[in-house]
Amino acid sequence: MHGSWGPDDNALISRVNPDCVLFVGDLSEGDLRLIKIINQLTLPTAVVLGNHDRGHDTTGELLQQQLSLLGERHCGWQFRNWDLPRVGVVGARPCSPGGGFYLTPPVEALFGPITVDQSASRIVSAAKRAPSDWPLIILAHSGPTGLGSERNSPCGRDWKSPAVDWGDYDLALAIDQIRSFRRPDLVVFGHMHHQLKGSESIRQTFYTDKWGTSYINTASVPRHLIDEYGRKLFHFSWIEIDKRGLISASHRWFLLDGSLAYEQVLLKCNYINR
């Protein structure tokens, strides 16, 4: 889930009733009221904050307030520890602006001058805490490098030329190191908007690499739309996963009553004898 969040989203989630909700950041420009609304969710929740969530503060104070409010829900550089659902969720670097590796001032103020290798190591260490028989999801704000350098690639720069790979190098390094002891099943991220800048085109939002790890970009912006019938729509990226791996992935637009209005299917696996 990427983008703004409000009381209607909480009401909708209670009706749809997923096993958990994952937030990839850029919830607001540091508005603490949104964090308090998220904290009202009663189902398992994991959050990684985005570069916009720091607002205009460079001291780290606003970021610290958000992290304190979120408590264990925030999983940047950490393993999100819960009993159910039996899915391991590991957070990547918080507040990433993409573009390789750059620590925003509030992140450096709170966590210190962390290097690329140190950031990758934190992600890997968190992944080692996940039970080996649980599917592993990596939750990030920006996706990793290596998913393409075209403007419509999952992390491709589209706001100026030339188009380049705008993913995070530390996340790519961490994923490669995690493969030495297990395969991540899914990487969930946002940051790079689906709608390309200055174009009617849409970027590629789903990708599976040669090792079988899938990547989904959830940044449908804006998340709240009005359709041709005047109905308010709420966007969620929806995944289904079990111990064998990813079963299905889609972008879904729900009505407030919890009914599904539109769906873009990205992956559908048909297992025998499920």
C-alpha atoms as a PDB file:
ATOM      1  CA  MET A   1       0.000   0.000   0.000  1.00  0.00           C
ATOM      2  CA  HIS A   2       1.384   3.374  -1.068  1.00  0.00           C
ATOM      3  CA  GLY A   3      -0.085   6.809  -0.470  1.00  0.00           C
ATOM      4  CA  SER A   4      -2.458   8.653   1.842  1.00  0.00           C
ATOM      5  CA  TRP A   5      -4.546   6.873   4.453  1.00  0.00           C
ATOM      6  CA  GLY A   6      -7.654   7.899   6.314  1.00  0.00           C
ATOM      7  CA  PRO A   7     -10.607   6.678   8.417  1.00  0.00           C
ATOM      8  CA  ASP A   8     -12.423   5.381   5.319  1.00  0.00           C
ATOM      9  CA  ASP A   9      -9.423   3.147   4.563  1.00  0.00           C
ATOM     10  CA  ASN A  10      -9.614   1.696   8.070  1.00  0.00           C
ATOM     11  CA  ALA A  11     -13.327   1.010   7.599  1.00  0.00           C
ATOM     12  CA  LEU A  12     -12.711  -0.604   4.215  1.00  0.00           C
ATOM     13  CA  ILE A  13      -9.917  -2.792   5.560  1.00  0.00           C
ATOM     14  CA  SER A  14     -12.185  -4.098   8.310  1.00  0.00           C
ATOM     15  CA  ARG A  15     -14.681  -5.162   5.634  1.00  0.00           C
ATOM     16  CA  VAL A  16     -12.154  -6.713   3.248  1.00  0.00           C
ATOM     17  CA  ASN A  17     -10.310  -8.326   6.200  1.00  0.00           C
ATOM     18  CA  PRO A  18      -6.899  -9.304   4.755  1.00  0.00           C
ATOM     19  CA  ASP A  19      -4.430 -11.280   6.865  1.00  0.00           C
ATOM     20  CA  CYS A  20      -2.137  -8.245   7.132  1.00  0.00           C
ATOM     21  CA  VAL A  21      -1.493  -4.806   5.656  1.00  0.00           C
ATOM     22  CA  LEU A  22       1.904  -3.645   4.383  1.00  0.00           C
ATOM     23  CA  PHE A  23       2.677   0.064   3.964  1.00  0.00           C
ATOM     24  CA  VAL A  24       5.532   1.092   1.655  1.00  0.00           C
ATOM     25  CA  GLY A  25       5.656   4.729   2.726  1.00  0.00           C
ATOM     26  CA  ASP A  26       4.961   8.218   1.392  1.00  0.00           C
ATOM     27  CA  LEU A  27       1.868   8.298   3.567  1.00  0.00           C
ATOM     28  CA  SER A  28       2.001  12.089   3.939  1.00  0.00           C
ATOM     29  CA  GLU A  29       4.416  14.959   4.414  1.00  0.00           C
ATOM     30  CA  GLY A  30       4.994  13.931   8.005  1.00  0.00           C
ATOM     31  CA  ASP A  31       1.392  14.312   9.197  1.00  0.00           C
ATOM     32  CA  LEU A  32       1.237  12.479  12.528  1.00  0.00           C
ATOM     33  CA  ARG A  33      -2.560  12.233  12.302  1.00  0.00           C
ATOM     34  CA  LEU A  34      -2.212   9.602   9.558  1.00  0.00           C
ATOM     35  CA  ILE A  35       0.128   7.542  11.708  1.00  0.00           C
ATOM     36  CA  LYS A  36      -2.428   7.632  14.524  1.00  0.00           C
ATOM     37  CA  ILE A  37      -5.147   6.393  12.143  1.00  0.00           C
ATOM     38  CA  ILE A  38      -2.901   3.530  10.994  1.00  0.00           C
ATOM     39  CA  ASN A  39      -2.298   2.645  14.636  1.00  0.00           C
ATOM     40  CA  GLN A  40      -6.032   2.063  15.025  1.00  0.00           C
ATOM     41  CA  LEU A  41      -5.853  -0.977  12.749  1.00  0.00           C
ATOM     42  CA  THR A  42      -6.381  -4.160  14.725  1.00  0.00           C
ATOM     43  CA  LEU A  43      -4.921  -6.591  12.189  1.00  0.00           C
ATOM     44  CA  PRO A  44      -1.175  -7.243  11.688  1.00  0.00           C
ATOM     45  CA  THR A  45       0.505  -4.217  10.122  1.00  0.00           C
ATOM     46  CA  ALA A  46       4.031  -3.488   8.879  1.00  0.00           C
ATOM     47  CA  VAL A  47       5.281  -0.076   7.783  1.00  0.00           C
ATOM     48  CA  VAL A  48       8.358   1.282   6.043  1.00  0.00           C
ATOM     49  CA  LEU A  49       8.358   5.075   5.803  1.00  0.00           C
ATOM     50  CA  GLY A  50       9.176   6.905   2.561  1.00  0.00           C
ATOM     51  CA  ASN A  51      11.244   9.948   1.705  1.00  0.00           C
ATOM     52  CA  HIS A  52       8.193  12.249   1.831  1.00  0.00           C
ATOM     53  CA  ASP A  53       7.219  11.105   5.310  1.00  0.00           C
ATOM     54  CA  ARG A  54       9.964  13.221   6.869  1.00  0.00           C
ATOM     55  CA  GLY A  55       8.145  16.372   5.696  1.00  0.00           C
ATOM     56  CA  HIS A  56      10.475  19.369   5.522  1.00  0.00           C
ATOM     57  CA  ASP A  57      12.307  18.492   8.716  1.00  0.00           C
ATOM     58  CA  THR A  58      16.024  17.731   8.383  1.00  0.00           C
ATOM     59  CA  THR A  59      16.775  17.216  12.082  1.00  0.00           C
ATOM     60  CA  GLY A  60      15.169  13.792  12.422  1.00  0.00           C
ATOM     61  CA  GLU A  61      12.765  14.959  15.150  1.00  0.00           C
ATOM     62  CA  LEU A  62       9.624  14.482  13.033  1.00  0.00           C
ATOM     63  CA  LEU A  63      10.848  11.108  11.812  1.00  0.00           C
ATOM     64  CA  GLN A  64      11.535  10.054  15.403  1.00  0.00           C
ATOM     65  CA  GLN A  65       8.007  11.040  16.425  1.00  0.00           C
ATOM     66  CA  GLN A  66       6.582   8.843  13.657  1.00  0.00           C
ATOM     67  CA  LEU A  67       8.791   5.898  14.581  1.00  0.00           C
ATOM     68  CA  SER A  68       7.836   6.254  18.249  1.00  0.00           C
ATOM     69  CA  LEU A  69       4.129   6.300  17.385  1.00  0.00           C
ATOM     70  CA  LEU A  70       4.420   3.289  15.083  1.00  0.00           C
ATOM     71  CA  GLY A  71       6.445   1.238  17.563  1.00  0.00           C
ATOM     72  CA  GLU A  72       6.825  -2.377  16.426  1.00  0.00           C
ATOM     73  CA  ARG A  73       4.715  -1.694  13.330  1.00  0.00           C
ATOM     74  CA  HIS A  74       7.702   0.041  11.782  1.00  0.00           C
ATOM     75  CA  CYS A  75      10.077  -2.548  10.349  1.00  0.00           C
ATOM     76  CA  GLY A  76      12.764  -0.489   8.601  1.00  0.00           C
ATOM     77  CA  TRP A  77      15.983  -2.566   8.801  1.00  0.00           C
ATOM     78  CA  GLN A  78      14.103  -5.031  11.019  1.00  0.00           C
ATOM     79  CA  PHE A  79      12.129  -8.266  11.048  1.00  0.00           C
ATOM     80  CA  ARG A  80       8.436  -7.669  11.780  1.00  0.00           C
ATOM     81  CA  ASN A  81       7.795 -10.150  14.538  1.00  0.00           C
ATOM     82  CA  TRP A  82       4.287 -11.640  14.714  1.00  0.00           C
ATOM     83  CA  ASP A  83       2.798 -15.121  15.114  1.00  0.00           C
ATOM     84  CA  LEU A  84       0.116 -14.840  12.436  1.00  0.00           C
ATOM     85  CA  PRO A  85       0.081 -14.699   9.510  1.00  0.00           C
ATOM     86  CA  ARG A  86       2.996 -17.093   9.066  1.00  0.00           C
ATOM     87  CA  VAL A  87       4.828 -14.792   6.676  1.00  0.00           C
ATOM     88  CA  GLY A  88       8.222 -13.256   7.392  1.00  0.00           C
ATOM     89  CA  VAL A  89       8.279  -9.521   6.651  1.00  0.00           C
ATOM     90  CA  VAL A  90      11.655  -7.766   6.587  1.00  0.00           C
ATOM     91  CA  GLY A  91      12.034  -4.014   6.168  1.00  0.00           C
ATOM     92  CA  ALA A  92      14.593  -2.317   3.937  1.00  0.00           C
ATOM     93  CA  ARG A  93      16.162   1.130   4.486  1.00  0.00           C
ATOM     94  CA  PRO A  94      13.620   3.677   5.744  1.00  0.00           C
ATOM     95  CA  CYS A  95      12.894   6.928   3.898  1.00  0.00           C
ATOM     96  CA  SER A  96      14.810   5.973   0.758  1.00  0.00           C
ATOM     97  CA  PRO A  97      14.673   8.509  -2.102  1.00  0.00           C
ATOM     98  CA  GLY A  98      15.942   5.888  -4.575  1.00  0.00           C
ATOM     99  CA  GLY A  99      18.794   6.586  -6.958  1.00  0.00           C
ATOM    100  CA  GLY A 100      21.350   4.058  -5.717  1.00  0.00           C
ATOM    101  CA  PHE A 101      22.192   4.935  -2.144  1.00  0.00           C
ATOM    102  CA  TYR A 102      21.595   8.153  -0.261  1.00  0.00           C
ATOM    103  CA  LEU A 103      20.816   8.678   3.407  1.00  0.00           C
ATOM    104  CA  THR A 104      18.372  11.512   3.862  1.00  0.00           C
ATOM    105  CA  PRO A 105      19.420  13.988   6.604  1.00  0.00           C
ATOM    106  CA  PRO A 106      16.805  12.854   9.159  1.00  0.00           C
ATOM    107  CA  VAL A 107      17.771   9.198   8.659  1.00  0.00           C
ATOM    108  CA  GLU A 108      21.450  10.020   9.173  1.00  0.00           C
ATOM    109  CA  ALA A 109      20.562  12.160  12.199  1.00  0.00           C
ATOM    110  CA  LEU A 110      18.755   9.219  13.821  1.00  0.00           C
ATOM    111  CA  PHE A 111      20.829   6.245  12.685  1.00  0.00           C
ATOM    112  CA  GLY A 112      24.256   7.717  11.935  1.00  0.00           C
ATOM    113  CA  PRO A 113      26.394   7.676   8.755  1.00  0.00           C
ATOM    114  CA  ILE A 114      25.475   4.146   7.636  1.00  0.00           C
ATOM    115  CA  THR A 115      27.273   2.791   4.566  1.00  0.00           C
ATOM    116  CA  VAL A 116      25.858   0.772   1.673  1.00  0.00           C
ATOM    117  CA  ASP A 117      27.334  -2.429   3.093  1.00  0.00           C
ATOM    118  CA  GLN A 118      26.045  -1.702   6.591  1.00  0.00           C
ATOM    119  CA  SER A 119      22.547  -1.045   5.283  1.00  0.00           C
ATOM    120  CA  ALA A 120      22.580  -4.286   3.281  1.00  0.00           C
ATOM    121  CA  SER A 121      23.898  -6.155   6.319  1.00  0.00           C
ATOM    122  CA  ARG A 122      21.007  -4.892   8.459  1.00  0.00           C
ATOM    123  CA  ILE A 123      18.480  -6.184   5.928  1.00  0.00           C
ATOM    124  CA  VAL A 124      20.251  -9.553   5.708  1.00  0.00           C
ATOM    125  CA  SER A 125      20.423  -9.885   9.502  1.00  0.00           C
ATOM    126  CA  ALA A 126      16.698  -9.183   9.745  1.00  0.00           C
ATOM    127  CA  ALA A 127      15.995 -11.828   7.079  1.00  0.00           C
ATOM    128  CA  LYS A 128      17.908 -14.423   9.109  1.00  0.00           C
ATOM    129  CA  ARG A 129      15.394 -13.942  11.923  1.00  0.00           C
ATOM    130  CA  ALA A 130      12.499 -15.051   9.718  1.00  0.00           C
ATOM    131  CA  PRO A 131      11.500 -18.718  10.256  1.00  0.00           C
ATOM    132  CA  SER A 132      12.895 -20.764   7.376  1.00  0.00           C
ATOM    133  CA  ASP A 133       9.537 -22.436   6.678  1.00  0.00           C
ATOM    134  CA  TRP A 134       7.685 -19.115   6.343  1.00  0.00           C
ATOM    135  CA  PRO A 135       7.493 -17.267   2.998  1.00  0.00           C
ATOM    136  CA  LEU A 136       9.800 -14.242   3.019  1.00  0.00           C
ATOM    137  CA  ILE A 137       8.643 -10.768   1.959  1.00  0.00           C
ATOM    138  CA  ILE A 138      10.966  -7.764   1.832  1.00  0.00           C
ATOM    139  CA  LEU A 139       9.140  -4.480   2.395  1.00  0.00           C
ATOM    140  CA  ALA A 140      10.803  -1.366   0.977  1.00  0.00           C
ATOM    141  CA  HIS A 141       9.998   2.177  -0.049  1.00  0.00           C
ATOM    142  CA  SER A 142      12.128   2.091  -3.201  1.00  0.00           C
ATOM    143  CA  GLY A 143      12.750  -1.120  -5.111  1.00  0.00           C
ATOM    144  CA  PRO A 144      16.243  -2.507  -5.785  1.00  0.00           C
ATOM    145  CA  THR A 145      18.538  -1.804  -8.691  1.00  0.00           C
ATOM    146  CA  GLY A 146      18.568  -4.452 -11.398  1.00  0.00           C
ATOM    147  CA  LEU A 147      14.929  -4.311 -12.532  1.00  0.00           C
ATOM    148  CA  GLY A 148      15.626  -2.322 -15.693  1.00  0.00           C
ATOM    149  CA  SER A 149      16.839   1.107 -16.775  1.00  0.00           C
ATOM    150  CA  GLU A 150      14.003   2.150 -19.107  1.00  0.00           C
ATOM    151  CA  ARG A 151      11.674   4.932 -17.975  1.00  0.00           C
ATOM    152  CA  ASN A 152       8.832   2.417 -17.713  1.00  0.00           C
ATOM    153  CA  SER A 153      10.859  -0.139 -15.738  1.00  0.00           C
ATOM    154  CA  PRO A 154       9.626  -0.869 -12.187  1.00  0.00           C
ATOM    155  CA  CYS A 155      12.222   1.581 -10.795  1.00  0.00           C
ATOM    156  CA  GLY A 156      13.053   3.524 -13.962  1.00  0.00           C
ATOM    157  CA  ARG A 157      13.579   7.298 -13.733  1.00  0.00           C
ATOM    158  CA  ASP A 158      10.852   8.973 -15.800  1.00  0.00           C
ATOM    159  CA  TRP A 159      10.975  12.633 -14.762  1.00  0.00           C
ATOM    160  CA  LYS A 160      14.100  13.608 -16.735  1.00  0.00           C
ATOM    161  CA  SER A 161      16.404  12.234 -19.426  1.00  0.00           C
ATOM    162  CA  PRO A 162      18.241  10.030 -19.710  1.00  0.00           C
ATOM    163  CA  ALA A 163      16.157   7.251 -18.202  1.00  0.00           C
ATOM    164  CA  VAL A 164      18.212   5.303 -15.648  1.00  0.00           C
ATOM    165  CA  ASP A 165      17.750   2.585 -13.060  1.00  0.00           C
ATOM    166  CA  TRP A 166      16.621   4.532  -9.955  1.00  0.00           C
ATOM    167  CA  GLY A 167      16.483   1.566  -7.589  1.00  0.00           C
ATOM    168  CA  ASP A 168      18.378   1.074  -4.326  1.00  0.00           C
ATOM    169  CA  TYR A 169      21.787  -0.571  -4.545  1.00  0.00           C
ATOM    170  CA  ASP A 170      21.878  -1.607  -0.876  1.00  0.00           C
ATOM    171  CA  LEU A 171      18.597  -3.478  -1.293  1.00  0.00           C
ATOM    172  CA  ALA A 172      19.880  -5.274  -4.398  1.00  0.00           C
ATOM    173  CA  LEU A 173      23.048  -6.203  -2.498  1.00  0.00           C
ATOM    174  CA  ALA A 174      21.003  -7.506   0.437  1.00  0.00           C
ATOM    175  CA  ILE A 175      18.749  -9.617  -1.806  1.00  0.00           C
ATOM    176  CA  ASP A 176      21.819 -11.169  -3.438  1.00  0.00           C
ATOM    177  CA  GLN A 177      23.302 -12.017  -0.030  1.00  0.00           C
ATOM    178  CA  ILE A 178      20.003 -13.427   1.278  1.00  0.00           C
ATOM    179  CA  ARG A 179      19.978 -15.842  -1.677  1.00  0.00           C
ATOM    180  CA  SER A 180      22.996 -17.561  -0.123  1.00  0.00           C
ATOM    181  CA  PHE A 181      20.697 -19.068   2.535  1.00  0.00           C
ATOM    182  CA  ARG A 182      17.177 -18.728   1.080  1.00  0.00           C
ATOM    183  CA  ARG A 183      15.196 -17.185  -1.775  1.00  0.00           C
ATOM    184  CA  PRO A 184      13.078 -14.125  -1.007  1.00  0.00           C
ATOM    185  CA  ASP A 185       9.584 -14.804  -2.316  1.00  0.00           C
ATOM    186  CA  LEU A 186       8.474 -11.231  -2.856  1.00  0.00           C
ATOM    187  CA  VAL A 187       9.759  -7.650  -2.699  1.00  0.00           C
ATOM    188  CA  VAL A 188       7.025  -5.038  -2.153  1.00  0.00           C
ATOM    189  CA  PHE A 189       7.789  -1.352  -2.753  1.00  0.00           C
ATOM    190  CA  GLY A 190       6.432   1.960  -4.064  1.00  0.00           C
ATOM    191  CA  HIS A 191       8.106   5.352  -4.630  1.00  0.00           C
ATOM    192  CA  MET A 192       8.053   5.245  -8.453  1.00  0.00           C
ATOM    193  CA  HIS A 193       4.536   6.202  -9.531  1.00  0.00           C
ATOM    194  CA  HIS A 194       2.709   3.943 -11.970  1.00  0.00           C
ATOM    195  CA  GLN A 195       1.739   6.872 -14.203  1.00  0.00           C
ATOM    196  CA  LEU A 196       4.828   8.011 -16.111  1.00  0.00           C
ATOM    197  CA  LYS A 197       5.695  11.697 -15.918  1.00  0.00           C
ATOM    198  CA  GLY A 198       4.339  13.687 -18.854  1.00  0.00           C
ATOM    199  CA  SER A 199       2.810  10.617 -20.475  1.00  0.00           C
ATOM    200  CA  GLU A 200      -0.345   8.518 -20.582  1.00  0.00           C
ATOM    201  CA  SER A 201       1.816   5.404 -20.303  1.00  0.00           C
ATOM    202  CA  ILE A 202       2.034   3.169 -17.235  1.00  0.00           C
ATOM    203  CA  ARG A 203       5.234   1.617 -15.930  1.00  0.00           C
ATOM    204  CA  GLN A 204       5.769  -2.118 -15.513  1.00  0.00           C
ATOM    205  CA  THR A 205       4.596  -2.877 -11.991  1.00  0.00           C
ATOM    206  CA  PHE A 206       5.353  -6.587 -11.646  1.00  0.00           C
ATOM    207  CA  TYR A 207       8.485  -8.594 -12.403  1.00  0.00           C
ATOM    208  CA  THR A 208       9.879 -12.039 -11.557  1.00  0.00           C
ATOM    209  CA  ASP A 209      13.641 -12.585 -11.741  1.00  0.00           C
ATOM    210  CA  LYS A 210      15.502 -15.721 -12.845  1.00  0.00           C
ATOM    211  CA  TRP A 211      15.773 -16.937  -9.236  1.00  0.00           C
ATOM    212  CA  GLY A 212      11.992 -16.861  -8.783  1.00  0.00           C
ATOM    213  CA  THR A 213      11.744 -13.742  -6.619  1.00  0.00           C
ATOM    214  CA  SER A 214       8.831 -11.495  -7.602  1.00  0.00           C
ATOM    215  CA  TYR A 215       8.718  -7.709  -7.310  1.00  0.00           C
ATOM    216  CA  ILE A 216       5.603  -5.551  -7.108  1.00  0.00           C
ATOM    217  CA  ASN A 217       5.478  -1.768  -7.348  1.00  0.00           C
ATOM    218  CA  THR A 218       2.380  -0.596  -5.447  1.00  0.00           C
ATOM    219  CA  ALA A 219       2.610   3.167  -6.141  1.00  0.00           C
ATOM    220  CA  SER A 220      -0.739   3.872  -7.772  1.00  0.00           C
ATOM    221  CA  VAL A 221      -1.030   7.630  -7.273  1.00  0.00           C
ATOM    222  CA  PRO A 222      -3.493   8.940  -6.284  1.00  0.00           C
ATOM    223  CA  ARG A 223      -4.837   5.978  -4.298  1.00  0.00           C
ATOM    224  CA  HIS A 224      -8.344   7.419  -4.101  1.00  0.00           C
ATOM    225  CA  LEU A 225     -10.209   7.956  -7.391  1.00  0.00           C
ATOM    226  CA  ILE A 226     -13.728   8.625  -8.624  1.00  0.00           C
ATOM    227  CA  ASP A 227     -14.812   6.312 -11.447  1.00  0.00           C
ATOM    228  CA  GLU A 228     -17.156   7.057 -14.360  1.00  0.00           C
ATOM    229  CA  TYR A 229     -20.151   6.181 -12.191  1.00  0.00           C
ATOM    230  CA  GLY A 230     -19.180   8.683  -9.507  1.00  0.00           C
ATOM    231  CA  ARG A 231     -18.068   5.979  -7.070  1.00  0.00           C
ATOM    232  CA  LYS A 232     -15.058   6.504  -4.796  1.00  0.00           C
ATOM    233  CA  LEU A 233     -12.385   3.868  -5.383  1.00  0.00           C
ATOM    234  CA  PHE A 234      -9.588   2.759  -3.057  1.00  0.00           C
ATOM    235  CA  HIS A 235      -6.456   1.186  -4.534  1.00  0.00           C
ATOM    236  CA  PHE A 236      -4.645  -1.743  -2.922  1.00  0.00           C
ATOM    237  CA  SER A 237      -2.014  -4.061  -4.327  1.00  0.00           C
ATOM    238  CA  TRP A 238      -3.196  -7.519  -3.334  1.00  0.00           C
ATOM    239  CA  ILE A 239      -1.065 -10.626  -2.884  1.00  0.00           C
ATOM    240  CA  GLU A 240      -1.778 -14.211  -1.877  1.00  0.00           C
ATOM    241  CA  ILE A 241       1.121 -16.323  -0.687  1.00  0.00           C
ATOM    242  CA  ASP A 242       1.632 -19.672   1.036  1.00  0.00           C
ATOM    243  CA  LYS A 243       4.548 -21.925   1.971  1.00  0.00           C
ATOM    244  CA  ARG A 244       5.079 -22.793  -1.707  1.00  0.00           C
ATOM    245  CA  GLY A 245       5.450 -19.132  -2.621  1.00  0.00           C
ATOM    246  CA  LEU A 246       3.432 -16.468  -4.384  1.00  0.00           C
ATOM    247  CA  ILE A 247       0.013 -17.662  -5.572  1.00  0.00           C
ATOM    248  CA  SER A 248      -1.461 -14.475  -7.001  1.00  0.00           C
ATOM    249  CA  ALA A 249      -0.809 -10.746  -7.327  1.00  0.00           C
ATOM    250  CA  SER A 250      -3.057  -7.978  -8.566  1.00  0.00           C
ATOM    251  CA  HIS A 251      -3.899  -4.307  -8.341  1.00  0.00           C
ATOM    252  CA  ARG A 252      -7.403  -3.916  -6.969  1.00  0.00           C
ATOM    253  CA  TRP A 253      -9.801  -0.989  -6.653  1.00  0.00           C
ATOM    254  CA  PHE A 254     -12.421  -1.439  -3.943  1.00  0.00           C
ATOM    255  CA  LEU A 255     -15.599   0.409  -3.125  1.00  0.00           C
ATOM    256  CA  LEU A 256     -16.100   1.604   0.445  1.00  0.00           C
ATOM    257  CA  ASP A 257     -18.512  -1.261   1.143  1.00  0.00           C
ATOM    258  CA  GLY A 258     -15.672  -3.726   0.504  1.00  0.00           C
ATOM    259  CA  SER A 259     -16.819  -4.907  -2.909  1.00  0.00           C
ATOM    260  CA  LEU A 260     -14.290  -5.221  -5.719  1.00  0.00           C
ATOM    261  CA  ALA A 261     -14.862  -2.731  -8.541  1.00  0.00           C
ATOM    262  CA  TYR A 262     -11.845  -3.354 -10.794  1.00  0.00           C
ATOM    263  CA  GLU A 263      -8.875  -5.695 -10.836  1.00  0.00           C
ATOM    264  CA  GLN A 264      -5.645  -5.887 -12.846  1.00  0.00           C
ATOM    265  CA  VAL A 265      -4.321  -9.435 -12.517  1.00  0.00           C
ATOM    266  CA  LEU A 266      -0.505  -9.579 -12.471  1.00  0.00           C
ATOM    267  CA  LEU A 267       0.025 -13.233 -11.542  1.00  0.00           C
ATOM    268  CA  LYS A 268      -2.246 -16.232 -11.076  1.00  0.00           C
ATOM    269  CA  CYS A 269      -0.846 -19.654 -10.210  1.00  0.00           C
ATOM    270  CA  ASN A 270      -3.014 -22.765 -10.404  1.00  0.00           C
ATOM    271  CA  TYR A 271      -1.653 -25.422  -8.068  1.00  0.00           C
ATOM    272  CA  ILE A 272      -2.916 -28.987  -8.249  1.00  0.00           C
ATOM    273  CA  ASN A 273      -4.467 -30.337  -5.036  1.00  0.00           C
ATOM    274  CA  ARG A 274      -4.237 -27.067  -3.169  1.00  0.00           C
END
